[in-house]
């Protein structure tokens, strides 16, 4: 060991140099108790508070994702224009309160007349929709 310049005191010196002597009084962000932090970035008084805060953060994140999903679902709801002549399959399904597969089934069986403009551009005349009832 001495050949590399290390002796029995070098590890102690290294620990003294590398260790932090900072002591900061902080307030735990989860439970609100005062504690002494050894680093400037410490936020919680214990590992338990850290775990609980993490779980709470994950729970709130899931709730916000669910709320965003509900908002996006509400945006996709049918909002009628003034006087549409033709409706899309999705608009027709929201009016009839059924799935789009059911609308395609009605078109395929001939119960509902539709115009196929291209592969994904099927339009249904509003008057033909009224004839179902």
N, C-alpha and C. Protein backbone atom coordinates (compact mmCIF):
# COMPACT_ATOMS: atom_id res chain seq x y z
N UNK A 1 0.80 -1.18 0.00
CA UNK A 1 0.00 0.00 0.00
C UNK A 1 0.85 1.27 0.00
N UNK A 2 1.98 1.22 0.69
CA UNK A 2 2.83 2.39 0.78
C UNK A 2 3.45 2.71 -0.57
N UNK A 3 3.54 1.72 -1.45
CA UNK A 3 4.13 1.95 -2.76
C UNK A 3 3.26 2.89 -3.59
N UNK A 4 1.98 2.90 -3.35
CA UNK A 4 1.07 3.76 -4.10
C UNK A 4 0.84 5.10 -3.41
N UNK A 5 1.52 5.36 -2.34
CA UNK A 5 1.37 6.62 -1.65
C UNK A 5 0.22 6.62 -0.66
N UNK A 6 -0.33 5.46 -0.37
CA UNK A 6 -1.45 5.37 0.58
C UNK A 6 -0.94 4.79 1.88
N UNK A 7 -1.29 5.39 2.93
CA UNK A 7 -0.95 4.83 4.23
C UNK A 7 -2.21 4.73 5.07
N UNK A 8 -2.05 4.36 6.32
CA UNK A 8 -3.22 4.12 7.15
C UNK A 8 -3.97 5.41 7.48
N UNK A 9 -3.36 6.56 7.30
CA UNK A 9 -4.03 7.82 7.62
C UNK A 9 -4.74 8.43 6.40
N UNK A 10 -4.42 7.96 5.21
CA UNK A 10 -5.00 8.58 4.02
C UNK A 10 -6.51 8.32 3.91
N UNK A 11 -7.00 7.19 4.35
CA UNK A 11 -8.44 6.93 4.28
C UNK A 11 -9.19 7.85 5.22
N UNK A 12 -8.61 8.15 6.39
CA UNK A 12 -9.25 9.07 7.33
C UNK A 12 -9.26 10.49 6.75
N UNK A 13 -8.16 10.87 6.11
CA UNK A 13 -8.10 12.19 5.48
C UNK A 13 -9.13 12.30 4.36
N UNK A 14 -9.23 11.24 3.61
CA UNK A 14 -10.19 11.23 2.51
C UNK A 14 -11.61 11.39 3.04
N UNK A 15 -11.95 10.68 4.11
CA UNK A 15 -13.27 10.80 4.71
C UNK A 15 -13.53 12.19 5.25
N UNK A 16 -12.51 12.81 5.84
CA UNK A 16 -12.68 14.16 6.36
C UNK A 16 -12.88 15.17 5.23
N UNK A 17 -12.15 14.98 4.15
CA UNK A 17 -12.26 15.90 3.02
C UNK A 17 -13.58 15.68 2.27
N UNK A 18 -13.97 14.45 2.06
CA UNK A 18 -15.14 14.12 1.25
C UNK A 18 -16.46 14.26 2.02
N UNK A 19 -16.44 14.12 3.32
CA UNK A 19 -17.69 14.16 4.06
C UNK A 19 -18.18 15.59 4.16
N UNK A 20 -19.50 15.70 4.28
CA UNK A 20 -20.11 17.00 4.38
C UNK A 20 -20.30 17.36 5.84
N UNK A 21 -19.89 18.52 6.21
CA UNK A 21 -20.07 19.00 7.57
C UNK A 21 -21.23 19.99 7.64
N UNK A 22 -22.04 20.02 6.60
CA UNK A 22 -23.16 20.94 6.54
C UNK A 22 -24.28 20.41 7.44
N UNK A 23 -24.85 21.27 8.22
CA UNK A 23 -26.01 20.93 9.04
C UNK A 23 -27.02 22.06 8.85
N UNK A 24 -28.14 21.73 8.19
CA UNK A 24 -29.16 22.73 7.89
C UNK A 24 -30.46 22.30 8.56
N UNK A 25 -31.08 23.20 9.26
CA UNK A 25 -32.37 22.90 9.86
C UNK A 25 -33.45 23.13 8.81
N UNK A 26 -34.25 22.09 8.55
CA UNK A 26 -35.29 22.16 7.52
C UNK A 26 -36.60 21.64 8.07
N UNK A 27 -37.65 21.82 7.29
CA UNK A 27 -38.97 21.32 7.64
C UNK A 27 -39.34 20.24 6.62
N UNK A 28 -39.76 19.10 7.12
CA UNK A 28 -40.14 17.98 6.24
C UNK A 28 -41.33 18.39 5.37
N UNK A 29 -41.25 18.13 4.08
CA UNK A 29 -42.30 18.53 3.16
C UNK A 29 -43.52 17.61 3.24
N UNK A 30 -43.39 16.49 3.91
CA UNK A 30 -44.53 15.58 4.04
C UNK A 30 -45.24 15.77 5.38
N UNK A 31 -44.48 15.64 6.49
CA UNK A 31 -45.14 15.67 7.80
C UNK A 31 -45.03 17.02 8.50
N UNK A 32 -44.11 17.87 8.07
CA UNK A 32 -44.00 19.21 8.62
C UNK A 32 -43.15 19.32 9.88
N UNK A 33 -42.45 18.28 10.25
CA UNK A 33 -41.60 18.35 11.45
C UNK A 33 -40.24 18.96 11.10
N UNK A 34 -39.61 19.55 12.07
CA UNK A 34 -38.27 20.11 11.89
C UNK A 34 -37.23 19.00 12.01
N UNK A 35 -36.21 19.06 11.17
CA UNK A 35 -35.12 18.08 11.22
C UNK A 35 -33.84 18.74 10.75
N UNK A 36 -32.72 18.09 11.00
CA UNK A 36 -31.42 18.61 10.58
C UNK A 36 -30.97 17.82 9.36
N UNK A 37 -30.81 18.52 8.25
CA UNK A 37 -30.41 17.90 6.99
C UNK A 37 -28.91 18.00 6.82
N UNK A 38 -28.31 16.97 6.23
CA UNK A 38 -26.87 16.97 5.99
C UNK A 38 -26.51 17.41 4.58
N UNK A 39 -27.52 17.54 3.72
CA UNK A 39 -27.30 18.05 2.36
C UNK A 39 -28.31 19.16 2.10
N UNK A 40 -28.05 19.92 1.06
CA UNK A 40 -28.93 21.04 0.74
C UNK A 40 -30.18 20.62 -0.01
N UNK A 41 -30.21 19.42 -0.54
CA UNK A 41 -31.33 18.98 -1.34
C UNK A 41 -32.28 18.04 -0.60
N UNK A 42 -32.01 17.76 0.66
CA UNK A 42 -32.87 16.87 1.44
C UNK A 42 -34.23 17.53 1.65
N UNK A 43 -35.30 16.78 1.40
CA UNK A 43 -36.65 17.32 1.50
C UNK A 43 -37.48 16.69 2.61
N UNK A 44 -37.10 15.50 3.03
CA UNK A 44 -37.91 14.76 4.00
C UNK A 44 -37.08 14.38 5.21
N UNK A 45 -37.74 14.20 6.34
CA UNK A 45 -37.04 13.91 7.59
C UNK A 45 -36.62 12.45 7.69
N UNK A 46 -37.31 11.56 6.98
CA UNK A 46 -36.97 10.13 7.07
C UNK A 46 -37.32 9.43 5.77
N UNK A 47 -36.88 8.20 5.68
CA UNK A 47 -37.19 7.39 4.50
C UNK A 47 -38.68 7.09 4.43
N UNK A 48 -39.32 6.96 5.57
CA UNK A 48 -40.77 6.70 5.61
C UNK A 48 -41.54 7.88 5.01
N UNK A 49 -41.19 9.09 5.39
CA UNK A 49 -41.85 10.27 4.81
C UNK A 49 -41.58 10.37 3.32
N UNK A 50 -40.38 10.01 2.91
CA UNK A 50 -40.03 10.02 1.50
C UNK A 50 -40.91 9.05 0.72
N UNK A 51 -41.09 7.83 1.24
CA UNK A 51 -41.93 6.83 0.57
C UNK A 51 -43.38 7.28 0.50
N UNK A 52 -43.88 7.82 1.62
CA UNK A 52 -45.27 8.25 1.65
C UNK A 52 -45.51 9.41 0.68
N UNK A 53 -44.57 10.34 0.61
CA UNK A 53 -44.70 11.46 -0.31
C UNK A 53 -44.64 10.98 -1.76
N UNK A 54 -43.79 10.02 -2.04
CA UNK A 54 -43.69 9.46 -3.39
C UNK A 54 -45.00 8.79 -3.79
N UNK A 55 -45.57 8.00 -2.88
CA UNK A 55 -46.83 7.32 -3.18
C UNK A 55 -47.96 8.32 -3.38
N UNK A 56 -47.98 9.38 -2.58
CA UNK A 56 -48.98 10.42 -2.74
C UNK A 56 -48.83 11.12 -4.09
N UNK A 57 -47.59 11.38 -4.48
CA UNK A 57 -47.32 12.02 -5.77
C UNK A 57 -47.77 11.12 -6.93
N UNK A 58 -47.49 9.83 -6.83
CA UNK A 58 -47.91 8.89 -7.87
C UNK A 58 -49.43 8.78 -7.93
N UNK A 59 -50.08 8.80 -6.79
CA UNK A 59 -51.55 8.74 -6.74
C UNK A 59 -52.14 9.97 -7.41
N UNK A 60 -51.62 11.15 -7.07
CA UNK A 60 -52.12 12.39 -7.68
C UNK A 60 -51.86 12.41 -9.18
N UNK A 61 -50.75 11.84 -9.60
CA UNK A 61 -50.44 11.76 -11.03
C UNK A 61 -51.46 10.88 -11.76
N UNK A 62 -51.81 9.74 -11.17
CA UNK A 62 -52.82 8.87 -11.77
C UNK A 62 -54.18 9.55 -11.84
N UNK A 63 -54.52 10.28 -10.79
CA UNK A 63 -55.80 10.99 -10.78
C UNK A 63 -55.83 12.06 -11.86
N UNK A 64 -54.72 12.78 -12.03
CA UNK A 64 -54.69 13.82 -13.07
C UNK A 64 -54.77 13.21 -14.47
N UNK A 65 -54.11 12.04 -14.67
CA UNK A 65 -54.25 11.36 -15.96
C UNK A 65 -55.69 10.94 -16.22
N UNK A 66 -56.37 10.46 -15.20
CA UNK A 66 -57.76 10.06 -15.35
C UNK A 66 -58.64 11.26 -15.66
N UNK A 67 -58.39 12.38 -15.00
CA UNK A 67 -59.17 13.59 -15.27
C UNK A 67 -58.94 14.10 -16.68
N UNK A 68 -57.69 14.00 -17.16
CA UNK A 68 -57.40 14.40 -18.53
C UNK A 68 -58.12 13.49 -19.52
N UNK A 69 -58.18 12.20 -19.19
CA UNK A 69 -58.89 11.26 -20.05
C UNK A 69 -60.37 11.57 -20.13
N UNK A 70 -60.96 11.97 -19.01
CA UNK A 70 -62.38 12.34 -18.99
C UNK A 70 -62.60 13.60 -19.81
N UNK A 71 -61.68 14.58 -19.66
CA UNK A 71 -61.81 15.82 -20.43
C UNK A 71 -61.69 15.54 -21.92
N UNK A 72 -60.74 14.69 -22.31
CA UNK A 72 -60.59 14.40 -23.73
C UNK A 72 -61.79 13.61 -24.25
N UNK A 73 -62.38 12.76 -23.39
CA UNK A 73 -63.58 12.03 -23.80
C UNK A 73 -64.75 12.99 -24.00
N UNK A 74 -64.87 13.98 -23.11
CA UNK A 74 -65.94 14.97 -23.25
C UNK A 74 -65.75 15.82 -24.49
N UNK A 75 -64.51 16.08 -24.86
CA UNK A 75 -64.24 16.85 -26.08
C UNK A 75 -64.64 16.07 -27.32
N UNK A 76 -64.53 14.73 -27.23
CA UNK A 76 -64.88 13.90 -28.38
C UNK A 76 -66.38 13.70 -28.53
N UNK A 77 -67.17 14.13 -27.54
CA UNK A 77 -68.61 13.97 -27.63
C UNK A 77 -69.13 14.78 -28.81
N UNK A 78 -70.25 14.33 -29.33
CA UNK A 78 -70.84 14.97 -30.51
C UNK A 78 -71.32 16.36 -30.15
N UNK A 79 -70.82 17.34 -30.86
CA UNK A 79 -71.26 18.71 -30.71
C UNK A 79 -71.81 19.13 -32.07
N UNK A 80 -73.11 19.20 -32.18
CA UNK A 80 -73.72 19.41 -33.49
C UNK A 80 -73.39 20.78 -34.08
N UNK A 81 -73.24 20.80 -35.39
CA UNK A 81 -73.09 22.07 -36.09
C UNK A 81 -74.49 22.60 -36.36
N UNK A 82 -74.58 23.72 -37.03
CA UNK A 82 -75.89 24.35 -37.20
C UNK A 82 -76.86 23.47 -37.99
N UNK A 83 -76.52 23.15 -39.20
CA UNK A 83 -77.40 22.31 -40.03
C UNK A 83 -76.56 21.36 -40.88
N UNK A 84 -76.09 20.27 -40.30
CA UNK A 84 -75.29 19.36 -41.11
C UNK A 84 -76.17 18.55 -42.06
N UNK A 85 -75.66 18.33 -43.26
CA UNK A 85 -76.38 17.49 -44.22
C UNK A 85 -75.90 16.06 -44.09
N UNK A 86 -74.59 15.90 -43.94
CA UNK A 86 -74.00 14.58 -43.80
C UNK A 86 -73.30 14.46 -42.45
N UNK A 87 -73.36 13.27 -41.88
CA UNK A 87 -72.72 13.00 -40.60
C UNK A 87 -71.66 11.93 -40.77
N UNK A 88 -70.64 11.98 -39.92
CA UNK A 88 -69.64 10.92 -39.91
C UNK A 88 -70.20 9.73 -39.13
N UNK A 89 -69.49 8.61 -39.20
CA UNK A 89 -69.92 7.42 -38.48
C UNK A 89 -69.88 7.67 -36.98
N UNK A 90 -68.87 8.36 -36.51
CA UNK A 90 -68.77 8.65 -35.07
C UNK A 90 -69.91 9.56 -34.61
N UNK A 91 -70.23 10.59 -35.39
CA UNK A 91 -71.33 11.47 -35.03
C UNK A 91 -72.65 10.71 -35.01
N UNK A 92 -72.82 9.83 -35.98
CA UNK A 92 -74.04 9.02 -36.03
C UNK A 92 -74.12 8.09 -34.83
N UNK A 93 -72.99 7.50 -34.45
CA UNK A 93 -73.00 6.59 -33.30
C UNK A 93 -73.30 7.34 -32.01
N UNK A 94 -72.85 8.58 -31.87
CA UNK A 94 -73.17 9.33 -30.65
C UNK A 94 -74.63 9.75 -30.64
N UNK A 95 -75.20 10.03 -31.79
CA UNK A 95 -76.62 10.38 -31.85
C UNK A 95 -77.49 9.17 -31.50
N UNK A 96 -77.15 8.01 -32.06
CA UNK A 96 -77.92 6.80 -31.79
C UNK A 96 -77.52 6.11 -30.48
N UNK A 97 -76.45 6.60 -29.85
CA UNK A 97 -75.94 6.04 -28.59
C UNK A 97 -75.61 4.56 -28.73
N UNK A 98 -74.81 4.28 -29.76
CA UNK A 98 -74.32 2.92 -29.98
C UNK A 98 -72.87 3.01 -30.46
N UNK A 99 -72.28 1.87 -30.71
CA UNK A 99 -70.87 1.87 -31.14
C UNK A 99 -70.77 2.14 -32.64
N UNK A 100 -69.55 2.46 -33.06
CA UNK A 100 -69.33 2.67 -34.48
C UNK A 100 -69.44 1.36 -35.25
N UNK A 101 -69.12 0.24 -34.59
CA UNK A 101 -69.26 -1.06 -35.23
C UNK A 101 -70.71 -1.34 -35.57
N UNK A 102 -71.62 -0.91 -34.70
CA UNK A 102 -73.05 -1.10 -34.96
C UNK A 102 -73.49 -0.28 -36.17
N UNK A 103 -72.95 0.92 -36.31
CA UNK A 103 -73.29 1.76 -37.47
C UNK A 103 -72.80 1.09 -38.76
N UNK A 104 -71.55 0.58 -38.72
CA UNK A 104 -71.04 -0.12 -39.90
C UNK A 104 -71.87 -1.37 -40.20
N UNK A 105 -72.35 -2.05 -39.17
CA UNK A 105 -73.21 -3.22 -39.37
C UNK A 105 -74.53 -2.81 -40.03
N UNK A 106 -75.12 -1.69 -39.58
CA UNK A 106 -76.37 -1.20 -40.19
C UNK A 106 -76.15 -0.81 -41.65
N UNK A 107 -75.01 -0.24 -41.94
CA UNK A 107 -74.69 0.12 -43.33
C UNK A 107 -74.52 -1.13 -44.17
N UNK A 108 -73.82 -2.12 -43.64
CA UNK A 108 -73.54 -3.35 -44.38
C UNK A 108 -74.82 -4.14 -44.67
N UNK A 109 -75.74 -4.16 -43.70
CA UNK A 109 -76.99 -4.91 -43.90
C UNK A 109 -78.01 -4.13 -44.72
N UNK A 110 -77.76 -2.85 -44.98
CA UNK A 110 -78.65 -2.07 -45.82
C UNK A 110 -79.73 -1.34 -45.06
N UNK A 111 -79.72 -1.39 -43.76
CA UNK A 111 -80.72 -0.67 -42.96
C UNK A 111 -80.46 0.83 -42.92
N UNK A 112 -79.21 1.20 -43.17
CA UNK A 112 -78.82 2.60 -43.15
C UNK A 112 -78.03 2.89 -44.43
N UNK A 113 -78.48 3.89 -45.17
CA UNK A 113 -77.80 4.26 -46.41
C UNK A 113 -76.62 5.16 -46.07
N UNK A 114 -75.51 4.95 -46.77
CA UNK A 114 -74.32 5.75 -46.53
C UNK A 114 -73.55 5.93 -47.82
N UNK A 115 -72.73 6.95 -47.86
CA UNK A 115 -71.86 7.24 -48.99
C UNK A 115 -70.44 6.99 -48.53
N UNK A 116 -69.71 6.19 -49.28
CA UNK A 116 -68.33 5.88 -48.95
C UNK A 116 -67.43 6.70 -49.87
N UNK A 117 -66.86 7.79 -49.34
CA UNK A 117 -66.01 8.67 -50.14
C UNK A 117 -64.62 8.09 -50.34
N UNK A 118 -64.12 7.39 -49.34
CA UNK A 118 -62.85 6.68 -49.44
C UNK A 118 -62.84 5.64 -48.32
N UNK A 119 -61.68 5.09 -48.04
CA UNK A 119 -61.60 4.01 -47.06
C UNK A 119 -62.13 4.45 -45.70
N UNK A 120 -61.76 5.63 -45.25
CA UNK A 120 -62.17 6.09 -43.92
C UNK A 120 -63.08 7.31 -43.98
N UNK A 121 -63.74 7.50 -45.06
CA UNK A 121 -64.61 8.67 -45.21
C UNK A 121 -66.03 8.23 -45.55
N UNK A 122 -66.67 7.60 -44.60
CA UNK A 122 -68.06 7.19 -44.79
C UNK A 122 -68.95 8.28 -44.21
N UNK A 123 -69.91 8.73 -45.01
CA UNK A 123 -70.83 9.78 -44.58
C UNK A 123 -72.26 9.27 -44.68
N UNK A 124 -73.08 9.71 -43.73
CA UNK A 124 -74.47 9.27 -43.66
C UNK A 124 -75.33 10.52 -43.74
N UNK A 125 -76.30 10.48 -44.64
CA UNK A 125 -77.19 11.61 -44.81
C UNK A 125 -78.12 11.71 -43.61
N UNK A 126 -78.35 12.90 -43.14
CA UNK A 126 -79.16 13.11 -41.95
C UNK A 126 -80.60 12.65 -42.18
N UNK A 127 -81.11 12.81 -43.37
CA UNK A 127 -82.49 12.35 -43.68
C UNK A 127 -82.57 10.83 -43.63
N UNK A 128 -81.51 10.13 -44.08
CA UNK A 128 -81.51 8.68 -44.02
C UNK A 128 -81.45 8.18 -42.57
N UNK A 129 -80.80 8.94 -41.72
CA UNK A 129 -80.75 8.59 -40.31
C UNK A 129 -82.14 8.72 -39.68
N UNK A 130 -82.89 9.73 -40.12
CA UNK A 130 -84.24 9.92 -39.58
C UNK A 130 -85.17 8.79 -40.01
N UNK A 131 -84.88 8.14 -41.15
CA UNK A 131 -85.75 7.05 -41.62
C UNK A 131 -85.64 5.77 -40.79
N UNK A 132 -84.59 5.65 -39.98
CA UNK A 132 -84.46 4.48 -39.11
C UNK A 132 -85.58 4.46 -38.09
N UNK A 133 -85.92 5.63 -37.59
CA UNK A 133 -86.98 5.72 -36.57
C UNK A 133 -88.30 5.78 -37.27
